[in-house]
Amino acid sequence: MPDFYCVKCRTKRNGKDVENVTLKNGKPARKATCETCGTKMFRIG
């Protein structure tokens, strides 16, 4: 099941180069790149 939403493609996609990060307030988040168009994607939680 796709984990990220690509704003440019306007669809849910799997990301490549997924990286786990922590926000300033301590919440976990994930960054990735769209495998189709190369746009950066971000998901909190």
N, C-alpha and C. Protein backbone atom coordinates (compact mmCIF):
# COMPACT_ATOMS: atom_id res chain seq x y z
N MET A 1 0.85 -1.18 0.00
CA MET A 1 0.00 0.00 0.00
C MET A 1 0.89 1.24 0.00
N PRO A 2 0.62 2.19 -0.90
CA PRO A 2 1.42 3.41 -0.95
C PRO A 2 1.33 4.19 0.36
N ASP A 3 2.44 4.78 0.72
CA ASP A 3 2.54 5.42 2.03
C ASP A 3 2.52 6.95 1.95
N PHE A 4 2.89 7.51 0.81
CA PHE A 4 2.99 8.96 0.66
C PHE A 4 2.00 9.46 -0.38
N TYR A 5 1.68 10.76 -0.32
CA TYR A 5 0.83 11.39 -1.31
C TYR A 5 1.68 12.38 -2.09
N CYS A 6 1.75 12.21 -3.40
CA CYS A 6 2.52 13.12 -4.25
C CYS A 6 1.60 14.24 -4.72
N VAL A 7 1.96 15.48 -4.40
CA VAL A 7 1.14 16.63 -4.75
C VAL A 7 1.17 16.88 -6.26
N LYS A 8 2.32 16.63 -6.86
CA LYS A 8 2.46 16.88 -8.30
C LYS A 8 1.69 15.84 -9.12
N CYS A 9 1.79 14.56 -8.76
CA CYS A 9 1.07 13.49 -9.48
C CYS A 9 -0.39 13.41 -9.05
N ARG A 10 -0.72 13.97 -7.88
CA ARG A 10 -2.07 13.92 -7.30
C ARG A 10 -2.56 12.50 -7.08
N THR A 11 -1.67 11.67 -6.57
CA THR A 11 -2.02 10.29 -6.27
C THR A 11 -1.11 9.76 -5.17
N LYS A 12 -1.51 8.67 -4.53
CA LYS A 12 -0.69 8.04 -3.51
C LYS A 12 0.37 7.19 -4.20
N ARG A 13 1.59 7.32 -3.71
CA ARG A 13 2.71 6.59 -4.31
C ARG A 13 3.64 6.08 -3.22
N ASN A 14 4.43 5.09 -3.58
CA ASN A 14 5.52 4.65 -2.73
C ASN A 14 6.68 5.61 -2.95
N GLY A 15 7.45 5.83 -1.92
CA GLY A 15 8.58 6.73 -2.04
C GLY A 15 9.88 5.96 -2.16
N LYS A 16 10.87 6.59 -2.77
CA LYS A 16 12.21 6.00 -2.78
C LYS A 16 13.09 6.89 -1.92
N ASP A 17 14.18 6.35 -1.43
CA ASP A 17 15.09 7.05 -0.53
C ASP A 17 14.35 7.54 0.72
N VAL A 18 13.58 6.65 1.34
CA VAL A 18 12.80 7.01 2.53
C VAL A 18 13.75 7.24 3.70
N GLU A 19 13.50 8.34 4.42
CA GLU A 19 14.36 8.70 5.55
C GLU A 19 13.48 9.06 6.74
N ASN A 20 13.74 8.44 7.88
CA ASN A 20 13.02 8.75 9.11
C ASN A 20 13.66 9.98 9.75
N VAL A 21 12.82 10.95 10.12
CA VAL A 21 13.31 12.18 10.75
C VAL A 21 12.45 12.48 11.97
N THR A 22 12.93 13.38 12.82
CA THR A 22 12.19 13.83 13.99
C THR A 22 11.99 15.33 13.87
N LEU A 23 10.74 15.78 14.05
CA LEU A 23 10.44 17.20 13.97
C LEU A 23 10.93 17.93 15.22
N LYS A 24 10.92 19.26 15.18
CA LYS A 24 11.39 20.05 16.32
C LYS A 24 10.59 19.77 17.59
N ASN A 25 9.30 19.44 17.43
CA ASN A 25 8.46 19.18 18.60
C ASN A 25 8.54 17.72 19.06
N GLY A 26 9.40 16.92 18.44
CA GLY A 26 9.62 15.55 18.87
C GLY A 26 8.79 14.50 18.15
N LYS A 27 7.89 14.91 17.26
CA LYS A 27 7.07 13.94 16.55
C LYS A 27 7.87 13.28 15.43
N PRO A 28 7.62 12.00 15.18
CA PRO A 28 8.32 11.31 14.09
C PRO A 28 7.71 11.67 12.74
N ALA A 29 8.54 11.65 11.72
CA ALA A 29 8.08 11.94 10.36
C ALA A 29 8.96 11.17 9.38
N ARG A 30 8.53 11.15 8.12
CA ARG A 30 9.30 10.46 7.08
C ARG A 30 9.37 11.32 5.84
N LYS A 31 10.54 11.35 5.22
CA LYS A 31 10.74 12.07 3.98
C LYS A 31 11.06 11.06 2.89
N ALA A 32 10.62 11.35 1.67
CA ALA A 32 10.91 10.47 0.54
C ALA A 32 10.86 11.27 -0.75
N THR A 33 11.19 10.59 -1.84
CA THR A 33 11.12 11.18 -3.17
C THR A 33 10.16 10.35 -4.00
N CYS A 34 9.32 11.01 -4.78
CA CYS A 34 8.36 10.30 -5.63
C CYS A 34 9.12 9.48 -6.66
N GLU A 35 8.74 8.22 -6.80
CA GLU A 35 9.44 7.34 -7.73
C GLU A 35 9.10 7.64 -9.19
N THR A 36 8.06 8.43 -9.45
CA THR A 36 7.66 8.73 -10.81
C THR A 36 8.19 10.08 -11.29
N CYS A 37 7.93 11.14 -10.50
CA CYS A 37 8.26 12.50 -10.96
C CYS A 37 9.45 13.12 -10.23
N GLY A 38 9.88 12.54 -9.10
CA GLY A 38 11.04 13.05 -8.38
C GLY A 38 10.74 14.15 -7.37
N THR A 39 9.46 14.45 -7.13
CA THR A 39 9.08 15.47 -6.16
C THR A 39 9.32 14.95 -4.75
N LYS A 40 9.72 15.86 -3.84
CA LYS A 40 9.92 15.47 -2.46
C LYS A 40 8.57 15.30 -1.78
N MET A 41 8.43 14.26 -0.98
CA MET A 41 7.19 13.97 -0.27
C MET A 41 7.49 13.90 1.23
N PHE A 42 6.50 14.19 2.05
CA PHE A 42 6.68 14.25 3.49
C PHE A 42 5.44 13.71 4.17
N ARG A 43 5.65 12.95 5.25
CA ARG A 43 4.51 12.41 6.00
C ARG A 43 4.82 12.46 7.49
N ILE A 44 3.90 13.04 8.25
CA ILE A 44 4.05 13.11 9.70
C ILE A 44 3.39 11.90 10.32
N GLY A 45 4.05 11.32 11.32
CA GLY A 45 3.44 10.22 12.04
C GLY A 45 4.10 8.89 11.89
